[in-house]
Amino acid sequence: MTDGDRLRGVELVEGHVVPRSAVFVFPHMVPHDTLLTGLGCERDPNGWVTTDTAGRTSVFGVWAVGNVSDAQALVITAAGQGVAPRSPSTMTWSRRTSSVP
């Protein structure tokens, strides 16, 4: 329940109001992995795309980083994982197969 822009309480299903000035909600993390699973990438038992330590998925040539493969990853972490070279072999493979000059 609110009073203007202030929280005053939380109304429960049975109608009882619990006075509160703040509420913390745990987010329900859902990976947006339609493309990856469409390509055939495997998921772990919790529903996250599985990767090795270099970010490689179960599909050759497909990598996943950030919160599509790790529920704990924040946006800044995901961005860093996406640009940081994981291993010399990853960089070599990427250069050899890239069609960009």
N, C-alpha and C. Protein backbone atom coordinates (compact mmCIF):
# COMPACT_ATOMS: atom_id res chain seq x y z
N MET A 1 0.85 -1.16 0.00
CA MET A 1 0.00 0.00 0.00
C MET A 1 0.90 1.23 0.00
N THR A 2 0.47 2.22 -0.70
CA THR A 2 1.26 3.45 -0.78
C THR A 2 0.43 4.64 -0.34
N ASP A 3 1.15 5.68 0.00
CA ASP A 3 0.56 6.97 0.31
C ASP A 3 1.35 7.97 -0.51
N GLY A 4 0.82 8.36 -1.65
CA GLY A 4 1.59 9.19 -2.57
C GLY A 4 2.71 8.36 -3.16
N ASP A 5 3.95 8.80 -2.95
CA ASP A 5 5.10 8.03 -3.45
C ASP A 5 5.81 7.27 -2.35
N ARG A 6 5.14 7.06 -1.21
CA ARG A 6 5.74 6.37 -0.06
C ARG A 6 5.04 5.04 0.19
N LEU A 7 5.85 4.02 0.46
CA LEU A 7 5.32 2.72 0.85
C LEU A 7 4.88 2.80 2.31
N ARG A 8 3.67 2.35 2.58
CA ARG A 8 3.15 2.37 3.95
C ARG A 8 2.92 0.96 4.48
N GLY A 9 2.73 -0.02 3.59
CA GLY A 9 2.47 -1.37 4.06
C GLY A 9 2.32 -2.33 2.90
N VAL A 10 2.30 -3.61 3.26
CA VAL A 10 2.12 -4.66 2.28
C VAL A 10 0.83 -5.39 2.64
N GLU A 11 -0.09 -5.45 1.67
CA GLU A 11 -1.36 -6.13 1.90
C GLU A 11 -1.21 -7.60 1.50
N LEU A 12 -1.47 -8.47 2.44
CA LEU A 12 -1.38 -9.91 2.20
C LEU A 12 -2.64 -10.41 1.51
N VAL A 13 -2.59 -11.61 0.99
CA VAL A 13 -3.71 -12.20 0.24
C VAL A 13 -4.99 -12.19 1.06
N GLU A 14 -4.90 -12.50 2.33
CA GLU A 14 -6.11 -12.57 3.16
C GLU A 14 -6.61 -11.19 3.60
N GLY A 15 -5.96 -10.11 3.15
CA GLY A 15 -6.43 -8.76 3.43
C GLY A 15 -5.72 -8.04 4.56
N HIS A 16 -4.94 -8.75 5.36
CA HIS A 16 -4.20 -8.14 6.48
C HIS A 16 -3.07 -7.26 5.92
N VAL A 17 -2.90 -6.07 6.48
CA VAL A 17 -1.85 -5.15 6.05
C VAL A 17 -0.71 -5.17 7.07
N VAL A 18 0.50 -5.42 6.58
CA VAL A 18 1.69 -5.40 7.42
C VAL A 18 2.38 -4.06 7.19
N PRO A 19 2.47 -3.19 8.21
CA PRO A 19 3.11 -1.89 8.02
C PRO A 19 4.59 -2.05 7.63
N ARG A 20 5.01 -1.37 6.60
CA ARG A 20 6.40 -1.42 6.12
C ARG A 20 6.73 -0.10 5.43
N SER A 21 8.01 0.28 5.53
CA SER A 21 8.48 1.46 4.79
C SER A 21 9.45 1.05 3.68
N ALA A 22 9.80 -0.24 3.64
CA ALA A 22 10.69 -0.75 2.60
C ALA A 22 10.38 -2.22 2.36
N VAL A 23 10.60 -2.68 1.14
CA VAL A 23 10.41 -4.08 0.77
C VAL A 23 11.56 -4.48 -0.12
N PHE A 24 12.14 -5.63 0.14
CA PHE A 24 13.20 -6.17 -0.71
C PHE A 24 12.67 -7.40 -1.41
N VAL A 25 12.89 -7.44 -2.71
CA VAL A 25 12.39 -8.54 -3.52
C VAL A 25 13.57 -9.22 -4.19
N PHE A 26 13.65 -10.54 -4.08
CA PHE A 26 14.70 -11.30 -4.74
C PHE A 26 14.31 -11.47 -6.20
N PRO A 27 15.19 -11.07 -7.13
CA PRO A 27 14.84 -11.20 -8.55
C PRO A 27 14.82 -12.65 -9.00
N HIS A 28 13.94 -12.95 -9.91
CA HIS A 28 13.89 -14.28 -10.52
C HIS A 28 14.69 -14.20 -11.82
N MET A 29 15.89 -14.77 -11.79
CA MET A 29 16.78 -14.69 -12.94
C MET A 29 16.38 -15.72 -13.99
N VAL A 30 16.22 -15.25 -15.22
CA VAL A 30 15.86 -16.12 -16.34
C VAL A 30 16.82 -15.83 -17.48
N PRO A 31 17.55 -16.84 -17.94
CA PRO A 31 18.47 -16.60 -19.06
C PRO A 31 17.70 -16.38 -20.36
N HIS A 32 18.08 -15.36 -21.09
CA HIS A 32 17.49 -15.10 -22.41
C HIS A 32 18.39 -15.80 -23.43
N ASP A 33 18.17 -17.09 -23.59
CA ASP A 33 19.07 -17.94 -24.36
C ASP A 33 18.42 -18.62 -25.56
N THR A 34 17.36 -18.05 -26.07
CA THR A 34 16.64 -18.66 -27.18
C THR A 34 17.56 -18.96 -28.36
N LEU A 35 18.42 -18.01 -28.71
CA LEU A 35 19.34 -18.24 -29.82
C LEU A 35 20.28 -19.40 -29.51
N LEU A 36 20.87 -19.39 -28.32
CA LEU A 36 21.83 -20.43 -27.95
C LEU A 36 21.20 -21.82 -27.89
N THR A 37 20.04 -21.92 -27.26
CA THR A 37 19.39 -23.23 -27.19
C THR A 37 18.87 -23.65 -28.55
N GLY A 38 18.50 -22.68 -29.38
CA GLY A 38 18.09 -22.98 -30.75
C GLY A 38 19.23 -23.56 -31.57
N LEU A 39 20.46 -23.16 -31.24
CA LEU A 39 21.63 -23.71 -31.91
C LEU A 39 22.03 -25.07 -31.36
N GLY A 40 21.40 -25.46 -30.23
CA GLY A 40 21.68 -26.77 -29.65
C GLY A 40 22.58 -26.76 -28.43
N CYS A 41 22.85 -25.59 -27.87
CA CYS A 41 23.71 -25.51 -26.68
C CYS A 41 23.03 -26.22 -25.51
N GLU A 42 23.84 -26.98 -24.77
CA GLU A 42 23.32 -27.71 -23.62
C GLU A 42 23.12 -26.77 -22.44
N ARG A 43 22.19 -27.16 -21.57
CA ARG A 43 21.92 -26.42 -20.33
C ARG A 43 22.27 -27.29 -19.14
N ASP A 44 22.59 -26.62 -18.02
CA ASP A 44 22.83 -27.36 -16.78
C ASP A 44 21.48 -27.66 -16.12
N PRO A 45 21.46 -28.40 -15.01
CA PRO A 45 20.18 -28.75 -14.36
C PRO A 45 19.36 -27.54 -13.91
N ASN A 46 20.01 -26.38 -13.73
CA ASN A 46 19.28 -25.17 -13.33
C ASN A 46 18.80 -24.34 -14.50
N GLY A 47 19.10 -24.77 -15.72
CA GLY A 47 18.60 -24.08 -16.91
C GLY A 47 19.56 -23.11 -17.55
N TRP A 48 20.81 -23.02 -17.06
CA TRP A 48 21.79 -22.09 -17.61
C TRP A 48 22.64 -22.79 -18.66
N VAL A 49 23.01 -22.07 -19.71
CA VAL A 49 23.85 -22.64 -20.77
C VAL A 49 25.18 -23.05 -20.17
N THR A 50 25.61 -24.28 -20.45
CA THR A 50 26.88 -24.76 -19.90
C THR A 50 28.04 -24.30 -20.77
N THR A 51 29.14 -23.93 -20.11
CA THR A 51 30.35 -23.50 -20.80
C THR A 51 31.56 -24.08 -20.08
N ASP A 52 32.69 -24.12 -20.81
CA ASP A 52 33.94 -24.47 -20.15
C ASP A 52 34.57 -23.18 -19.62
N THR A 53 35.78 -23.24 -19.10
CA THR A 53 36.41 -22.06 -18.51
C THR A 53 36.72 -20.98 -19.54
N ALA A 54 36.74 -21.33 -20.81
CA ALA A 54 36.98 -20.35 -21.87
C ALA A 54 35.68 -19.75 -22.40
N GLY A 55 34.53 -20.24 -21.92
CA GLY A 55 33.25 -19.73 -22.38
C GLY A 55 32.67 -20.51 -23.55
N ARG A 56 33.35 -21.59 -23.97
CA ARG A 56 32.84 -22.40 -25.07
C ARG A 56 31.61 -23.19 -24.63
N THR A 57 30.62 -23.25 -25.50
CA THR A 57 29.43 -24.05 -25.22
C THR A 57 29.62 -25.44 -25.80
N SER A 58 28.58 -26.24 -25.75
CA SER A 58 28.63 -27.60 -26.30
C SER A 58 28.57 -27.60 -27.83
N VAL A 59 28.32 -26.44 -28.45
CA VAL A 59 28.26 -26.33 -29.90
C VAL A 59 29.56 -25.69 -30.39
N PHE A 60 30.24 -26.36 -31.30
CA PHE A 60 31.52 -25.87 -31.81
C PHE A 60 31.37 -24.45 -32.37
N GLY A 61 32.28 -23.57 -31.97
CA GLY A 61 32.30 -22.20 -32.48
C GLY A 61 31.34 -21.25 -31.80
N VAL A 62 30.64 -21.70 -30.76
CA VAL A 62 29.68 -20.84 -30.06
C VAL A 62 30.14 -20.66 -28.62
N TRP A 63 30.27 -19.40 -28.21
CA TRP A 63 30.67 -19.05 -26.85
C TRP A 63 29.50 -18.36 -26.15
N ALA A 64 29.48 -18.45 -24.84
CA ALA A 64 28.46 -17.76 -24.04
C ALA A 64 29.15 -17.16 -22.82
N VAL A 65 28.78 -15.93 -22.48
CA VAL A 65 29.34 -15.26 -21.32
C VAL A 65 28.23 -14.54 -20.58
N GLY A 66 28.56 -14.09 -19.39
CA GLY A 66 27.63 -13.27 -18.62
C GLY A 66 26.48 -14.05 -18.06
N ASN A 67 25.36 -13.35 -17.88
CA ASN A 67 24.25 -13.98 -17.18
C ASN A 67 23.38 -14.88 -18.04
N VAL A 68 23.82 -15.23 -19.23
CA VAL A 68 23.15 -16.30 -19.97
C VAL A 68 23.72 -17.65 -19.55
N SER A 69 24.93 -17.62 -18.97
CA SER A 69 25.56 -18.85 -18.51
C SER A 69 25.87 -18.83 -17.01
N ASP A 70 25.67 -17.68 -16.37
CA ASP A 70 25.97 -17.55 -14.94
C ASP A 70 24.97 -16.60 -14.30
N ALA A 71 24.12 -17.14 -13.46
CA ALA A 71 23.07 -16.33 -12.83
C ALA A 71 23.63 -15.22 -11.96
N GLN A 72 24.87 -15.35 -11.51
CA GLN A 72 25.48 -14.37 -10.62
C GLN A 72 26.12 -13.20 -11.38
N ALA A 73 26.28 -13.32 -12.69
CA ALA A 73 26.99 -12.30 -13.46
C ALA A 73 26.17 -11.02 -13.59
N LEU A 74 26.79 -9.90 -13.30
CA LEU A 74 26.17 -8.60 -13.50
C LEU A 74 26.49 -8.12 -14.91
N VAL A 75 25.82 -7.09 -15.35
CA VAL A 75 26.02 -6.58 -16.70
C VAL A 75 27.49 -6.24 -16.96
N ILE A 76 28.14 -5.57 -16.03
CA ILE A 76 29.53 -5.18 -16.24
C ILE A 76 30.43 -6.40 -16.32
N THR A 77 30.12 -7.43 -15.55
CA THR A 77 30.89 -8.67 -15.62
C THR A 77 30.71 -9.33 -16.98
N ALA A 78 29.48 -9.37 -17.44
CA ALA A 78 29.18 -9.97 -18.75
C ALA A 78 29.91 -9.23 -19.87
N ALA A 79 29.92 -7.91 -19.80
CA ALA A 79 30.61 -7.12 -20.82
C ALA A 79 32.11 -7.43 -20.81
N GLY A 80 32.69 -7.52 -19.63
CA GLY A 80 34.11 -7.84 -19.52
C GLY A 80 34.43 -9.22 -20.04
N GLN A 81 33.55 -10.19 -19.76
CA GLN A 81 33.78 -11.54 -20.26
C GLN A 81 33.69 -11.59 -21.78
N GLY A 82 32.88 -10.75 -22.35
CA GLY A 82 32.69 -10.76 -23.79
C GLY A 82 33.86 -10.21 -24.58
N VAL A 83 34.70 -9.39 -23.97
CA VAL A 83 35.83 -8.79 -24.69
C VAL A 83 37.18 -9.33 -24.26
N ALA A 84 37.23 -9.96 -23.11
CA ALA A 84 38.51 -10.45 -22.62
C ALA A 84 38.88 -11.77 -23.29
N PRO A 85 40.10 -11.86 -23.82
CA PRO A 85 40.51 -13.14 -24.39
C PRO A 85 40.60 -14.19 -23.29
N ARG A 86 40.07 -15.37 -23.55
CA ARG A 86 40.03 -16.43 -22.55
C ARG A 86 41.30 -17.27 -22.55
N SER A 87 41.83 -17.50 -23.72
CA SER A 87 43.03 -18.32 -23.80
C SER A 87 43.68 -18.08 -25.16
N PRO A 88 44.96 -18.36 -25.30
CA PRO A 88 45.61 -18.19 -26.59
C PRO A 88 44.93 -19.00 -27.70
N SER A 89 44.46 -20.18 -27.40
CA SER A 89 43.82 -21.00 -28.43
C SER A 89 42.52 -20.37 -28.91
N THR A 90 41.79 -19.70 -28.01
CA THR A 90 40.55 -19.03 -28.39
C THR A 90 40.85 -17.90 -29.37
N MET A 91 41.87 -17.10 -29.07
CA MET A 91 42.22 -15.99 -29.94
C MET A 91 42.69 -16.49 -31.31
N THR A 92 43.49 -17.55 -31.34
CA THR A 92 43.97 -18.09 -32.61
C THR A 92 42.80 -18.57 -33.44
N TRP A 93 41.91 -19.33 -32.84
CA TRP A 93 40.77 -19.85 -33.58
C TRP A 93 39.92 -18.71 -34.11
N SER A 94 39.67 -17.68 -33.29
CA SER A 94 38.84 -16.56 -33.71
C SER A 94 39.45 -15.82 -34.89
N ARG A 95 40.75 -15.62 -34.89
CA ARG A 95 41.39 -14.91 -36.00
C ARG A 95 41.34 -15.72 -37.28
N ARG A 96 41.53 -17.02 -37.18
CA ARG A 96 41.56 -17.87 -38.37
C ARG A 96 40.20 -17.99 -39.03
N THR A 97 39.13 -17.94 -38.25
CA THR A 97 37.80 -18.19 -38.81
C THR A 97 37.02 -16.91 -39.07
N SER A 98 37.55 -15.79 -38.67
CA SER A 98 36.83 -14.53 -38.85
C SER A 98 36.77 -14.16 -40.32
N SER A 99 35.59 -13.69 -40.75
CA SER A 99 35.47 -13.23 -42.13
C SER A 99 35.65 -11.72 -42.22
N VAL A 100 35.84 -11.07 -41.08
CA VAL A 100 36.06 -9.62 -41.05
C VAL A 100 37.52 -9.34 -41.33
N PRO A 101 37.82 -8.43 -42.27
CA PRO A 101 39.24 -8.14 -42.59
C PRO A 101 40.00 -7.54 -41.42
